[in-house]
Amino acid sequence: MILAGIKFWEMRSRHTKVRGFIGLIEAGSGLIVGTARLTDSIGPLSTERWRCNVSKHKVPYRGCEHLAAKNWNHAWVLDDAKKLDEPIPYKHPQGAVIWVRFN
């Protein structure tokens, strides 16, 4: 949904200070499939603010109760998402959970 341009917030369990262009990975594929610019990290969101912003994060309101209980209440704000013409293979380092640095 991010690469299709219909989702602008990625909901996460914690704030991030990272800003700038990031690679988007298709889970379990070993491929970077796109890029986006991470512009902000908002949260923790109240249930009301979560509900009012479903159009940005695309998590149905009915689904938010269990996510909010697990602290998935921080929105990472994304912009300029672009799908790569050709996915780029990468090796996911052991122990890396959220970020993988590429040189």
Protein backbone atom coordinates (compact mmCIF):
# COMPACT_ATOMS: atom_id res chain seq x y z
CA MET A 1 0.00 0.00 0.00
CA ILE A 2 2.95 2.33 0.62
CA LEU A 3 4.32 1.80 -2.89
CA ALA A 4 0.81 2.14 -4.36
CA GLY A 5 0.60 5.62 -2.81
CA ILE A 6 -2.40 4.89 -0.60
CA LYS A 7 -0.68 4.44 2.79
CA PHE A 8 1.47 7.21 4.30
CA TRP A 9 1.90 6.13 7.91
CA GLU A 10 3.66 2.91 8.93
CA MET A 11 2.53 1.96 12.42
CA ARG A 12 5.31 0.81 14.74
CA SER A 13 5.80 0.11 18.44
CA ARG A 14 8.38 2.84 18.99
CA HIS A 15 9.53 6.25 17.90
CA THR A 16 12.43 6.62 15.46
CA LYS A 17 14.89 9.46 15.00
CA VAL A 18 15.80 8.23 11.51
CA ARG A 19 14.98 10.70 8.74
CA GLY A 20 15.66 10.60 5.02
CA PHE A 21 15.39 8.01 2.26
CA ILE A 22 14.98 4.40 3.32
CA GLY A 23 14.69 1.13 1.43
CA LEU A 24 11.42 -0.79 1.60
CA ILE A 25 11.75 -4.54 1.94
CA GLU A 26 9.19 -7.17 1.04
CA ALA A 27 9.10 -9.29 4.19
CA GLY A 28 10.91 -12.59 3.83
CA SER A 29 11.89 -11.98 0.20
CA GLY A 30 15.48 -10.80 0.63
CA LEU A 31 14.62 -7.97 -1.77
CA ILE A 32 14.53 -4.19 -1.53
CA VAL A 33 11.46 -3.39 -3.63
CA GLY A 34 11.18 0.37 -3.23
CA THR A 35 12.25 3.54 -1.46
CA ALA A 36 10.49 6.19 0.59
CA ARG A 37 11.44 9.29 2.53
CA LEU A 38 10.87 8.99 6.29
CA THR A 39 9.89 12.51 7.33
CA ASP A 40 8.52 12.21 10.86
CA SER A 41 7.68 9.93 13.76
CA ILE A 42 4.44 10.73 15.60
CA GLY A 43 3.22 9.18 18.78
CA PRO A 44 2.25 7.57 20.88
CA LEU A 45 -1.17 8.09 19.31
CA SER A 46 -4.31 8.11 21.40
CA THR A 47 -7.08 5.76 20.29
CA GLU A 48 -9.01 8.81 19.05
CA ARG A 49 -6.11 10.09 16.96
CA TRP A 50 -5.58 6.57 15.58
CA ARG A 51 -9.26 6.40 14.60
CA CYS A 52 -9.19 9.83 12.95
CA ASN A 53 -6.19 8.86 10.79
CA VAL A 54 -7.23 5.47 9.40
CA SER A 55 -6.97 6.98 5.90
CA LYS A 56 -3.23 7.46 6.46
CA HIS A 57 -2.26 4.14 8.10
CA LYS A 58 -5.01 1.89 6.61
CA VAL A 59 -5.39 -0.25 9.74
CA PRO A 60 -9.14 -0.75 10.21
CA TYR A 61 -10.42 0.83 13.40
CA ARG A 62 -11.73 -2.54 14.54
CA GLY A 63 -8.17 -3.85 14.34
CA CYS A 64 -6.56 -1.10 16.34
CA GLU A 65 -7.57 -2.22 19.81
CA HIS A 66 -5.20 -5.17 19.91
CA LEU A 67 -2.42 -3.23 18.17
CA ALA A 68 -2.73 -0.29 20.53
CA ALA A 69 -2.57 -2.72 23.44
CA LYS A 70 0.76 -3.94 22.04
CA ASN A 71 1.94 -0.32 21.73
CA TRP A 72 1.75 -0.21 17.91
CA ASN A 73 0.81 3.43 18.29
CA HIS A 74 3.69 5.34 16.68
CA ALA A 75 3.26 6.54 13.11
CA TRP A 76 6.34 6.71 10.91
CA VAL A 77 5.40 9.28 8.27
CA LEU A 78 6.46 8.38 4.72
CA ASP A 79 6.59 10.46 1.56
CA ASP A 80 7.95 10.09 -2.00
CA ALA A 81 7.46 6.31 -2.12
CA LYS A 82 8.71 4.76 -5.34
CA LYS A 83 8.75 1.17 -6.50
CA LEU A 84 12.08 0.05 -7.95
CA ASP A 85 12.02 -1.11 -11.57
CA GLU A 86 14.20 -4.03 -10.55
CA PRO A 87 14.26 -5.26 -6.92
CA ILE A 88 17.70 -5.29 -5.28
CA PRO A 89 18.75 -8.45 -3.40
CA TYR A 90 20.26 -8.00 0.05
CA LYS A 91 21.38 -10.21 2.91
CA HIS A 92 19.55 -9.58 6.16
CA PRO A 93 22.14 -9.56 8.96
CA GLN A 94 21.46 -11.85 11.89
CA GLY A 95 19.97 -9.88 14.78
CA ALA A 96 18.80 -6.93 12.65
CA VAL A 97 15.16 -6.26 13.50
CA ILE A 98 14.18 -2.82 12.21
CA TRP A 99 17.09 -1.22 10.36
CA VAL A 100 19.76 -2.63 8.05
CA ARG A 101 22.56 -0.23 7.09
CA PHE A 102 23.89 -0.29 3.53
CA ASN A 103 27.19 1.34 2.60
